[in-house]
Amino acid sequence: KGNAIFQKREPDGEWYAFKTSPAGSGDEYRKLQPGDYATARFDR
């Protein structure tokens, strides 16, 4: 809606602001980082 993105986990989650504009300190989107931060620990 506008510049904001809302998210919910299916099937029973609740909707919440995922990405806002301007960005909020609690935006879950801030935890989506460019690059691969999972494979090294995955491999271990």
ModelCIF file with pLDDT and N, C-alpha, C, O atoms, coordinates in Angstrom:
data_MODEL
#
_entry.id   MODEL 
#
_entity.id                         1 
_entity.type                       polymer 
_entity.pdbx_number_of_molecules   1 
#
_entity_poly.entity_id                      1 
_entity_poly.type                           'polypeptide(L)' 
_entity_poly.nstd_linkage                   no 
_entity_poly.nstd_monomer                   no 
_entity_poly.pdbx_seq_one_letter_code       KGNAIFQKREPDGEWYAFKTSPAGSGDEYRKLQPGDYATARFDR 
_entity_poly.pdbx_seq_one_letter_code_can   KGNAIFQKREPDGEWYAFKTSPAGSGDEYRKLQPGDYATARFDR 
_entity_poly.pdbx_strand_id                 A 
#
loop_
_entity_poly_seq.entity_id 
_entity_poly_seq.num 
_entity_poly_seq.mon_id 
_entity_poly_seq.hetero 
1 1  LYS n 
1 2  GLY n 
1 3  ASN n 
1 4  ALA n 
1 5  ILE n 
1 6  PHE n 
1 7  GLN n 
1 8  LYS n 
1 9  ARG n 
1 10 GLU n 
1 11 PRO n 
1 12 ASP n 
1 13 GLY n 
1 14 GLU n 
1 15 TRP n 
1 16 TYR n 
1 17 ALA n 
1 18 PHE n 
1 19 LYS n 
1 20 THR n 
1 21 SER n 
1 22 PRO n 
1 23 ALA n 
1 24 GLY n 
1 25 SER n 
1 26 GLY n 
1 27 ASP n 
1 28 GLU n 
1 29 TYR n 
1 30 ARG n 
1 31 LYS n 
1 32 LEU n 
1 33 GLN n 
1 34 PRO n 
1 35 GLY n 
1 36 ASP n 
1 37 TYR n 
1 38 ALA n 
1 39 THR n 
1 40 ALA n 
1 41 ARG n 
1 42 PHE n 
1 43 ASP n 
1 44 ARG n 
#
_struct_asym.id          A 
_struct_asym.entity_id   1 
#
loop_
_ma_qa_metric.id 
_ma_qa_metric.mode 
_ma_qa_metric.name 
_ma_qa_metric.software_group_id 
_ma_qa_metric.type 
1 global pLDDT . pLDDT 
2 local  pLDDT . pLDDT 
#
_ma_qa_metric_global.metric_id      1 
_ma_qa_metric_global.metric_value   92.43 
_ma_qa_metric_global.model_id       1 
_ma_qa_metric_global.ordinal_id     1 
#
loop_
_ma_qa_metric_local.label_asym_id 
_ma_qa_metric_local.label_comp_id 
_ma_qa_metric_local.label_seq_id 
_ma_qa_metric_local.metric_id 
_ma_qa_metric_local.metric_value 
_ma_qa_metric_local.model_id 
_ma_qa_metric_local.ordinal_id 
A LYS 1  2 93.00 1 1  
A GLY 2  2 91.00 1 2  
A ASN 3  2 90.00 1 3  
A ALA 4  2 93.00 1 4  
A ILE 5  2 95.00 1 5  
A PHE 6  2 95.00 1 6  
A GLN 7  2 95.00 1 7  
A LYS 8  2 95.00 1 8  
A ARG 9  2 95.00 1 9  
A GLU 10 2 94.00 1 10 
A PRO 11 2 92.00 1 11 
A ASP 12 2 91.00 1 12 
A GLY 13 2 93.00 1 13 
A GLU 14 2 93.00 1 14 
A TRP 15 2 94.00 1 15 
A TYR 16 2 92.00 1 16 
A ALA 17 2 91.00 1 17 
A PHE 18 2 94.00 1 18 
A LYS 19 2 94.00 1 19 
A THR 20 2 90.00 1 20 
A SER 21 2 85.00 1 21 
A PRO 22 2 84.00 1 22 
A ALA 23 2 80.00 1 23 
A GLY 24 2 82.00 1 24 
A SER 25 2 83.00 1 25 
A GLY 26 2 85.00 1 26 
A ASP 27 2 90.00 1 27 
A GLU 28 2 93.00 1 28 
A TYR 29 2 94.00 1 29 
A ARG 30 2 94.00 1 30 
A LYS 31 2 95.00 1 31 
A LEU 32 2 96.00 1 32 
A GLN 33 2 96.00 1 33 
A PRO 34 2 97.00 1 34 
A GLY 35 2 98.00 1 35 
A ASP 36 2 98.00 1 36 
A TYR 37 2 97.00 1 37 
A ALA 38 2 97.00 1 38 
A THR 39 2 96.00 1 39 
A ALA 40 2 95.00 1 40 
A ARG 41 2 93.00 1 41 
A PHE 42 2 94.00 1 42 
A ASP 43 2 94.00 1 43 
A ARG 44 2 91.00 1 44 
#
loop_
_atom_site.group_PDB 
_atom_site.id 
_atom_site.type_symbol 
_atom_site.label_atom_id 
_atom_site.label_alt_id 
_atom_site.label_comp_id 
_atom_site.label_asym_id 
_atom_site.label_entity_id 
_atom_site.label_seq_id 
_atom_site.pdbx_PDB_ins_code 
_atom_site.Cartn_x 
_atom_site.Cartn_y 
_atom_site.Cartn_z 
_atom_site.occupancy 
_atom_site.B_iso_or_equiv 
_atom_site.pdbx_formal_charge 
_atom_site.auth_seq_id 
_atom_site.auth_comp_id 
_atom_site.auth_asym_id 
_atom_site.auth_atom_id 
_atom_site.pdbx_PDB_model_num 
ATOM 1   N N  . LYS A 1 1  ? 0.888  -1.159  0.000  1.00 93.00 ? 1  LYS A N  1 
ATOM 2   C CA . LYS A 1 1  ? 0.000  0.000   0.000  1.00 93.00 ? 1  LYS A CA 1 
ATOM 3   C C  . LYS A 1 1  ? 0.926  1.208   0.000  1.00 93.00 ? 1  LYS A C  1 
ATOM 4   O O  . LYS A 1 1  ? 1.649  1.452   0.966  1.00 93.00 ? 1  LYS A O  1 
ATOM 5   N N  . GLY A 1 2  ? 0.895  1.958   -1.093 1.00 91.00 ? 2  GLY A N  1 
ATOM 6   C CA . GLY A 1 2  ? 1.835  3.058   -1.231 1.00 91.00 ? 2  GLY A CA 1 
ATOM 7   C C  . GLY A 1 2  ? 3.246  2.505   -1.270 1.00 91.00 ? 2  GLY A C  1 
ATOM 8   O O  . GLY A 1 2  ? 3.536  1.599   -2.050 1.00 91.00 ? 2  GLY A O  1 
ATOM 9   N N  . ASN A 1 3  ? 4.128  3.041   -0.435 1.00 90.00 ? 3  ASN A N  1 
ATOM 10  C CA . ASN A 1 3  ? 5.518  2.575   -0.372 1.00 90.00 ? 3  ASN A CA 1 
ATOM 11  C C  . ASN A 1 3  ? 5.757  1.548   0.720  1.00 90.00 ? 3  ASN A C  1 
ATOM 12  O O  . ASN A 1 3  ? 6.904  1.176   0.968  1.00 90.00 ? 3  ASN A O  1 
ATOM 13  N N  . ALA A 1 4  ? 4.711  1.083   1.376  1.00 93.00 ? 4  ALA A N  1 
ATOM 14  C CA . ALA A 1 4  ? 4.852  0.116   2.462  1.00 93.00 ? 4  ALA A CA 1 
ATOM 15  C C  . ALA A 1 4  ? 4.504  -1.286  1.969  1.00 93.00 ? 4  ALA A C  1 
ATOM 16  O O  . ALA A 1 4  ? 3.600  -1.474  1.155  1.00 93.00 ? 4  ALA A O  1 
ATOM 17  N N  . ILE A 1 5  ? 5.248  -2.266  2.486  1.00 95.00 ? 5  ILE A N  1 
ATOM 18  C CA . ILE A 1 5  ? 4.978  -3.681  2.194  1.00 95.00 ? 5  ILE A CA 1 
ATOM 19  C C  . ILE A 1 5  ? 4.596  -4.351  3.501  1.00 95.00 ? 5  ILE A C  1 
ATOM 20  O O  . ILE A 1 5  ? 5.243  -4.155  4.530  1.00 95.00 ? 5  ILE A O  1 
ATOM 21  N N  . PHE A 1 6  ? 3.534  -5.146  3.446  1.00 95.00 ? 6  PHE A N  1 
ATOM 22  C CA . PHE A 1 6  ? 3.045  -5.881  4.606  1.00 95.00 ? 6  PHE A CA 1 
ATOM 23  C C  . PHE A 1 6  ? 3.243  -7.368  4.356  1.00 95.00 ? 6  PHE A C  1 
ATOM 24  O O  . PHE A 1 6  ? 3.189  -7.827  3.215  1.00 95.00 ? 6  PHE A O  1 
ATOM 25  N N  . GLN A 1 7  ? 3.472  -8.113  5.425  1.00 95.00 ? 7  GLN A N  1 
ATOM 26  C CA . GLN A 1 7  ? 3.755  -9.540  5.306  1.00 95.00 ? 7  GLN A CA 1 
ATOM 27  C C  . GLN A 1 7  ? 2.993  -10.304 6.379  1.00 95.00 ? 7  GLN A C  1 
ATOM 28  O O  . GLN A 1 7  ? 2.672  -9.775  7.443  1.00 95.00 ? 7  GLN A O  1 
ATOM 29  N N  . LYS A 1 8  ? 2.714  -11.571 6.064  1.00 95.00 ? 8  LYS A N  1 
ATOM 30  C CA . LYS A 1 8  ? 2.164  -12.484 7.075  1.00 95.00 ? 8  LYS A CA 1 
ATOM 31  C C  . LYS A 1 8  ? 2.600  -13.890 6.733  1.00 95.00 ? 8  LYS A C  1 
ATOM 32  O O  . LYS A 1 8  ? 2.657  -14.272 5.564  1.00 95.00 ? 8  LYS A O  1 
ATOM 33  N N  . ARG A 1 9  ? 2.905  -14.652 7.759  1.00 95.00 ? 9  ARG A N  1 
ATOM 34  C CA . ARG A 1 9  ? 3.241  -16.057 7.562  1.00 95.00 ? 9  ARG A CA 1 
ATOM 35  C C  . ARG A 1 9  ? 1.944  -16.809 7.342  1.00 95.00 ? 9  ARG A C  1 
ATOM 36  O O  . ARG A 1 9  ? 0.965  -16.605 8.060  1.00 95.00 ? 9  ARG A O  1 
ATOM 37  N N  . GLU A 1 10 ? 1.944  -17.675 6.349  1.00 94.00 ? 10 GLU A N  1 
ATOM 38  C CA . GLU A 1 10 ? 0.762  -18.474 6.050  1.00 94.00 ? 10 GLU A CA 1 
ATOM 39  C C  . GLU A 1 10 ? 0.813  -19.785 6.821  1.00 94.00 ? 10 GLU A C  1 
ATOM 40  O O  . GLU A 1 10 ? 1.906  -20.304 7.050  1.00 94.00 ? 10 GLU A O  1 
ATOM 41  N N  . PRO A 1 11 ? -0.299 -20.330 7.222  1.00 92.00 ? 11 PRO A N  1 
ATOM 42  C CA . PRO A 1 11 ? -1.640 -19.821 6.988  1.00 92.00 ? 11 PRO A CA 1 
ATOM 43  C C  . PRO A 1 11 ? -2.189 -18.975 8.141  1.00 92.00 ? 11 PRO A C  1 
ATOM 44  O O  . PRO A 1 11 ? -3.186 -18.273 7.967  1.00 92.00 ? 11 PRO A O  1 
ATOM 45  N N  . ASP A 1 12 ? -1.557 -19.031 9.306  1.00 91.00 ? 12 ASP A N  1 
ATOM 46  C CA . ASP A 1 12 ? -2.192 -18.455 10.498 1.00 91.00 ? 12 ASP A CA 1 
ATOM 47  C C  . ASP A 1 12 ? -1.502 -17.238 11.088 1.00 91.00 ? 12 ASP A C  1 
ATOM 48  O O  . ASP A 1 12 ? -1.848 -16.810 12.189 1.00 91.00 ? 12 ASP A O  1 
ATOM 49  N N  . GLY A 1 13 ? -0.537 -16.677 10.383 1.00 93.00 ? 13 GLY A N  1 
ATOM 50  C CA . GLY A 1 13 ? 0.165  -15.518 10.924 1.00 93.00 ? 13 GLY A CA 1 
ATOM 51  C C  . GLY A 1 13 ? -0.689 -14.272 10.882 1.00 93.00 ? 13 GLY A C  1 
ATOM 52  O O  . GLY A 1 13 ? -1.792 -14.276 10.334 1.00 93.00 ? 13 GLY A O  1 
ATOM 53  N N  . GLU A 1 14 ? -0.170 -13.201 11.465 1.00 93.00 ? 14 GLU A N  1 
ATOM 54  C CA . GLU A 1 14 ? -0.845 -11.910 11.446 1.00 93.00 ? 14 GLU A CA 1 
ATOM 55  C C  . GLU A 1 14 ? -0.081 -10.966 10.527 1.00 93.00 ? 14 GLU A C  1 
ATOM 56  O O  . GLU A 1 14 ? 1.141  -11.065 10.414 1.00 93.00 ? 14 GLU A O  1 
ATOM 57  N N  . TRP A 1 15 ? -0.774 -10.074 9.886  1.00 94.00 ? 15 TRP A N  1 
ATOM 58  C CA . TRP A 1 15 ? -0.161 -9.089  9.014  1.00 94.00 ? 15 TRP A CA 1 
ATOM 59  C C  . TRP A 1 15 ? 0.623  -8.085  9.854  1.00 94.00 ? 15 TRP A C  1 
ATOM 60  O O  . TRP A 1 15 ? 0.185  -7.697  10.938 1.00 94.00 ? 15 TRP A O  1 
ATOM 61  N N  . TYR A 1 16 ? 1.767  -7.671  9.356  1.00 92.00 ? 16 TYR A N  1 
ATOM 62  C CA . TYR A 1 16 ? 2.546  -6.614  9.986  1.00 92.00 ? 16 TYR A CA 1 
ATOM 63  C C  . TYR A 1 16 ? 3.318  -5.863  8.916  1.00 92.00 ? 16 TYR A C  1 
ATOM 64  O O  . TYR A 1 16 ? 3.516  -6.369  7.811  1.00 92.00 ? 16 TYR A O  1 
ATOM 65  N N  . ALA A 1 17 ? 3.757  -4.647  9.249  1.00 91.00 ? 17 ALA A N  1 
ATOM 66  C CA . ALA A 1 17 ? 4.543  -3.845  8.319  1.00 91.00 ? 17 ALA A CA 1 
ATOM 67  C C  . ALA A 1 17 ? 5.918  -4.490  8.177  1.00 91.00 ? 17 ALA A C  1 
ATOM 68  O O  . ALA A 1 17 ? 6.665  -4.584  9.150  1.00 91.00 ? 17 ALA A O  1 
ATOM 69  N N  . PHE A 1 18 ? 6.247  -4.930  6.980  1.00 94.00 ? 18 PHE A N  1 
ATOM 70  C CA . PHE A 1 18 ? 7.507  -5.597  6.676  1.00 94.00 ? 18 PHE A CA 1 
ATOM 71  C C  . PHE A 1 18 ? 8.561  -4.591  6.219  1.00 94.00 ? 18 PHE A C  1 
ATOM 72  O O  . PHE A 1 18 ? 9.721  -4.669  6.622  1.00 94.00 ? 18 PHE A O  1 
ATOM 73  N N  . LYS A 1 19 ? 8.147  -3.652  5.379  1.00 94.00 ? 19 LYS A N  1 
ATOM 74  C CA . LYS A 1 19 ? 9.054  -2.619  4.857  1.00 94.00 ? 19 LYS A CA 1 
ATOM 75  C C  . LYS A 1 19 ? 8.268  -1.316  4.763  1.00 94.00 ? 19 LYS A C  1 
ATOM 76  O O  . LYS A 1 19 ? 7.244  -1.246  4.083  1.00 94.00 ? 19 LYS A O  1 
ATOM 77  N N  . THR A 1 20 ? 8.755  -0.286  5.450  1.00 90.00 ? 20 THR A N  1 
ATOM 78  C CA . THR A 1 20 ? 8.078  1.004   5.429  1.00 90.00 ? 20 THR A CA 1 
ATOM 79  C C  . THR A 1 20 ? 8.977  2.056   4.776  1.00 90.00 ? 20 THR A C  1 
ATOM 80  O O  . THR A 1 20 ? 10.180 1.852   4.612  1.00 90.00 ? 20 THR A O  1 
ATOM 81  N N  . SER A 1 21 ? 8.376  3.161   4.415  1.00 85.00 ? 21 SER A N  1 
ATOM 82  C CA . SER A 1 21 ? 9.131  4.262   3.831  1.00 85.00 ? 21 SER A CA 1 
ATOM 83  C C  . SER A 1 21 ? 8.660  5.553   4.467  1.00 85.00 ? 21 SER A C  1 
ATOM 84  O O  . SER A 1 21 ? 7.498  5.926   4.302  1.00 85.00 ? 21 SER A O  1 
ATOM 85  N N  . PRO A 1 22 ? 9.525  6.245   5.187  1.00 84.00 ? 22 PRO A N  1 
ATOM 86  C CA . PRO A 1 22 ? 10.939 5.926   5.374  1.00 84.00 ? 22 PRO A CA 1 
ATOM 87  C C  . PRO A 1 22 ? 11.095 4.670   6.233  1.00 84.00 ? 22 PRO A C  1 
ATOM 88  O O  . PRO A 1 22 ? 10.209 4.305   7.006  1.00 84.00 ? 22 PRO A O  1 
ATOM 89  N N  . ALA A 1 23 ? 12.241 4.028   6.072  1.00 80.00 ? 23 ALA A N  1 
ATOM 90  C CA . ALA A 1 23 ? 12.489 2.752   6.757  1.00 80.00 ? 23 ALA A CA 1 
ATOM 91  C C  . ALA A 1 23 ? 12.426 2.933   8.268  1.00 80.00 ? 23 ALA A C  1 
ATOM 92  O O  . ALA A 1 23 ? 12.990 3.874   8.826  1.00 80.00 ? 23 ALA A O  1 
ATOM 93  N N  . GLY A 1 24 ? 11.728 2.010   8.909  1.00 82.00 ? 24 GLY A N  1 
ATOM 94  C CA . GLY A 1 24 ? 11.630 2.018   10.364 1.00 82.00 ? 24 GLY A CA 1 
ATOM 95  C C  . GLY A 1 24 ? 12.685 1.117   10.983 1.00 82.00 ? 24 GLY A C  1 
ATOM 96  O O  . GLY A 1 24 ? 13.138 0.163   10.351 1.00 82.00 ? 24 GLY A O  1 
ATOM 97  N N  . SER A 1 25 ? 13.076 1.411   12.203 1.00 83.00 ? 25 SER A N  1 
ATOM 98  C CA . SER A 1 25 ? 14.112 0.612   12.865 1.00 83.00 ? 25 SER A CA 1 
ATOM 99  C C  . SER A 1 25 ? 13.659 -0.822  13.097 1.00 83.00 ? 25 SER A C  1 
ATOM 100 O O  . SER A 1 25 ? 14.496 -1.720  13.198 1.00 83.00 ? 25 SER A O  1 
ATOM 101 N N  . GLY A 1 26 ? 12.349 -1.057  13.183 1.00 85.00 ? 26 GLY A N  1 
ATOM 102 C CA . GLY A 1 26 ? 11.836 -2.403  13.411 1.00 85.00 ? 26 GLY A CA 1 
ATOM 103 C C  . GLY A 1 26 ? 11.439 -3.142  12.149 1.00 85.00 ? 26 GLY A C  1 
ATOM 104 O O  . GLY A 1 26 ? 10.891 -4.241  12.229 1.00 85.00 ? 26 GLY A O  1 
ATOM 105 N N  . ASP A 1 27 ? 11.701 -2.565  10.982 1.00 90.00 ? 27 ASP A N  1 
ATOM 106 C CA . ASP A 1 27 ? 11.325 -3.222  9.724  1.00 90.00 ? 27 ASP A CA 1 
ATOM 107 C C  . ASP A 1 27 ? 12.037 -4.559  9.581  1.00 90.00 ? 27 ASP A C  1 
ATOM 108 O O  . ASP A 1 27 ? 13.265 -4.625  9.644  1.00 90.00 ? 27 ASP A O  1 
ATOM 109 N N  . GLU A 1 28 ? 11.277 -5.609  9.392  1.00 93.00 ? 28 GLU A N  1 
ATOM 110 C CA . GLU A 1 28 ? 11.857 -6.931  9.157  1.00 93.00 ? 28 GLU A CA 1 
ATOM 111 C C  . GLU A 1 28 ? 12.708 -6.925  7.888  1.00 93.00 ? 28 GLU A C  1 
ATOM 112 O O  . GLU A 1 28 ? 13.676 -7.678  7.783  1.00 93.00 ? 28 GLU A O  1 
ATOM 113 N N  . TYR A 1 29 ? 12.352 -6.086  6.939  1.00 94.00 ? 29 TYR A N  1 
ATOM 114 C CA . TYR A 1 29 ? 13.093 -5.997  5.674  1.00 94.00 ? 29 TYR A CA 1 
ATOM 115 C C  . TYR A 1 29 ? 14.570 -5.686  5.903  1.00 94.00 ? 29 TYR A C  1 
ATOM 116 O O  . TYR A 1 29 ? 15.414 -6.093  5.105  1.00 94.00 ? 29 TYR A O  1 
ATOM 117 N N  . ARG A 1 30 ? 14.894 -4.973  6.977  1.00 94.00 ? 30 ARG A N  1 
ATOM 118 C CA . ARG A 1 30 ? 16.298 -4.665  7.275  1.00 94.00 ? 30 ARG A CA 1 
ATOM 119 C C  . ARG A 1 30 ? 17.125 -5.940  7.475  1.00 94.00 ? 30 ARG A C  1 
ATOM 120 O O  . ARG A 1 30 ? 18.351 -5.911  7.370  1.00 94.00 ? 30 ARG A O  1 
ATOM 121 N N  . LYS A 1 31 ? 16.455 -7.044  7.759  1.00 95.00 ? 31 LYS A N  1 
ATOM 122 C CA . LYS A 1 31 ? 17.156 -8.314  7.969  1.00 95.00 ? 31 LYS A CA 1 
ATOM 123 C C  . LYS A 1 31 ? 17.385 -9.070  6.671  1.00 95.00 ? 31 LYS A C  1 
ATOM 124 O O  . LYS A 1 31 ? 18.008 -10.133 6.679  1.00 95.00 ? 31 LYS A O  1 
ATOM 125 N N  . LEU A 1 32 ? 16.891 -8.540  5.551  1.00 96.00 ? 32 LEU A N  1 
ATOM 126 C CA . LEU A 1 32 ? 17.162 -9.109  4.225  1.00 96.00 ? 32 LEU A CA 1 
ATOM 127 C C  . LEU A 1 32 ? 18.383 -8.396  3.667  1.00 96.00 ? 32 LEU A C  1 
ATOM 128 O O  . LEU A 1 32 ? 18.286 -7.260  3.203  1.00 96.00 ? 32 LEU A O  1 
ATOM 129 N N  . GLN A 1 33 ? 19.522 -9.056  3.712  1.00 96.00 ? 33 GLN A N  1 
ATOM 130 C CA . GLN A 1 33 ? 20.778 -8.439  3.310  1.00 96.00 ? 33 GLN A CA 1 
ATOM 131 C C  . GLN A 1 33 ? 21.264 -9.005  1.979  1.00 96.00 ? 33 GLN A C  1 
ATOM 132 O O  . GLN A 1 33 ? 21.183 -10.212 1.752  1.00 96.00 ? 33 GLN A O  1 
ATOM 133 N N  . PRO A 1 34 ? 21.775 -8.129  1.088  1.00 97.00 ? 34 PRO A N  1 
ATOM 134 C CA . PRO A 1 34 ? 22.334 -8.626  -0.175 1.00 97.00 ? 34 PRO A CA 1 
ATOM 135 C C  . PRO A 1 34 ? 23.500 -9.574  0.108  1.00 97.00 ? 34 PRO A C  1 
ATOM 136 O O  . PRO A 1 34 ? 24.327 -9.303  0.979  1.00 97.00 ? 34 PRO A O  1 
ATOM 137 N N  . GLY A 1 35 ? 23.563 -10.660 -0.614 1.00 98.00 ? 35 GLY A N  1 
ATOM 138 C CA . GLY A 1 35 ? 24.656 -11.611 -0.452 1.00 98.00 ? 35 GLY A CA 1 
ATOM 139 C C  . GLY A 1 35 ? 24.238 -12.857 0.309  1.00 98.00 ? 35 GLY A C  1 
ATOM 140 O O  . GLY A 1 35 ? 23.111 -12.984 0.788  1.00 98.00 ? 35 GLY A O  1 
ATOM 141 N N  . ASP A 1 36 ? 25.185 -13.761 0.399  1.00 98.00 ? 36 ASP A N  1 
ATOM 142 C CA . ASP A 1 36 ? 24.949 -15.068 1.004  1.00 98.00 ? 36 ASP A CA 1 
ATOM 143 C C  . ASP A 1 36 ? 25.582 -15.134 2.387  1.00 98.00 ? 36 ASP A C  1 
ATOM 144 O O  . ASP A 1 36 ? 26.798 -15.269 2.522  1.00 98.00 ? 36 ASP A O  1 
ATOM 145 N N  . TYR A 1 37 ? 24.742 -15.039 3.410  1.00 97.00 ? 37 TYR A N  1 
ATOM 146 C CA . TYR A 1 37 ? 25.202 -15.133 4.793  1.00 97.00 ? 37 TYR A CA 1 
ATOM 147 C C  . TYR A 1 37 ? 24.773 -16.455 5.436  1.00 97.00 ? 37 TYR A C  1 
ATOM 148 O O  . TYR A 1 37 ? 24.806 -16.593 6.659  1.00 97.00 ? 37 TYR A O  1 
ATOM 149 N N  . ALA A 1 38 ? 24.376 -17.413 4.621  1.00 97.00 ? 38 ALA A N  1 
ATOM 150 C CA . ALA A 1 38 ? 23.877 -18.673 5.171  1.00 97.00 ? 38 ALA A CA 1 
ATOM 151 C C  . ALA A 1 38 ? 24.728 -19.879 4.803  1.00 97.00 ? 38 ALA A C  1 
ATOM 152 O O  . ALA A 1 38 ? 24.851 -20.806 5.604  1.00 97.00 ? 38 ALA A O  1 
ATOM 153 N N  . THR A 1 39 ? 25.315 -19.890 3.620  1.00 96.00 ? 39 THR A N  1 
ATOM 154 C CA . THR A 1 39 ? 25.937 -21.112 3.112  1.00 96.00 ? 39 THR A CA 1 
ATOM 155 C C  . THR A 1 39 ? 27.123 -21.592 3.945  1.00 96.00 ? 39 THR A C  1 
ATOM 156 O O  . THR A 1 39 ? 27.281 -22.800 4.122  1.00 96.00 ? 39 THR A O  1 
ATOM 157 N N  . ALA A 1 40 ? 27.954 -20.702 4.456  1.00 95.00 ? 40 ALA A N  1 
ATOM 158 C CA . ALA A 1 40 ? 29.121 -21.153 5.240  1.00 95.00 ? 40 ALA A CA 1 
ATOM 159 C C  . ALA A 1 40 ? 28.680 -21.948 6.462  1.00 95.00 ? 40 ALA A C  1 
ATOM 160 O O  . ALA A 1 40 ? 29.203 -23.034 6.709  1.00 95.00 ? 40 ALA A O  1 
ATOM 161 N N  . ARG A 1 41 ? 27.727 -21.425 7.230  1.00 93.00 ? 41 ARG A N  1 
ATOM 162 C CA . ARG A 1 41 ? 27.235 -22.151 8.416  1.00 93.00 ? 41 ARG A CA 1 
ATOM 163 C C  . ARG A 1 41 ? 26.445 -23.392 7.996  1.00 93.00 ? 41 ARG A C  1 
ATOM 164 O O  . ARG A 1 41 ? 26.526 -24.435 8.646  1.00 93.00 ? 41 ARG A O  1 
ATOM 165 N N  . PHE A 1 42 ? 25.676 -23.274 6.896  1.00 94.00 ? 42 PHE A N  1 
ATOM 166 C CA . PHE A 1 42 ? 24.958 -24.414 6.329  1.00 94.00 ? 42 PHE A CA 1 
ATOM 167 C C  . PHE A 1 42 ? 25.945 -25.558 6.054  1.00 94.00 ? 42 PHE A C  1 
ATOM 168 O O  . PHE A 1 42 ? 25.701 -26.702 6.437  1.00 94.00 ? 42 PHE A O  1 
ATOM 169 N N  . ASP A 1 43 ? 27.060 -25.237 5.387  1.00 94.00 ? 43 ASP A N  1 
ATOM 170 C CA . ASP A 1 43 ? 28.063 -26.260 5.048  1.00 94.00 ? 43 ASP A CA 1 
ATOM 171 C C  . ASP A 1 43 ? 28.667 -26.889 6.296  1.00 94.00 ? 43 ASP A C  1 
ATOM 172 O O  . ASP A 1 43 ? 28.881 -28.100 6.336  1.00 94.00 ? 43 ASP A O  1 
ATOM 173 N N  . ARG A 1 44 ? 28.946 -26.075 7.321  1.00 91.00 ? 44 ARG A N  1 
ATOM 174 C CA . ARG A 1 44 ? 29.492 -26.632 8.572  1.00 91.00 ? 44 ARG A CA 1 
ATOM 175 C C  . ARG A 1 44 ? 28.496 -27.580 9.228  1.00 91.00 ? 44 ARG A C  1 
ATOM 176 O O  . ARG A 1 44 ? 28.782 -28.141 10.286 1.00 91.00 ? 44 ARG A O  1 
#
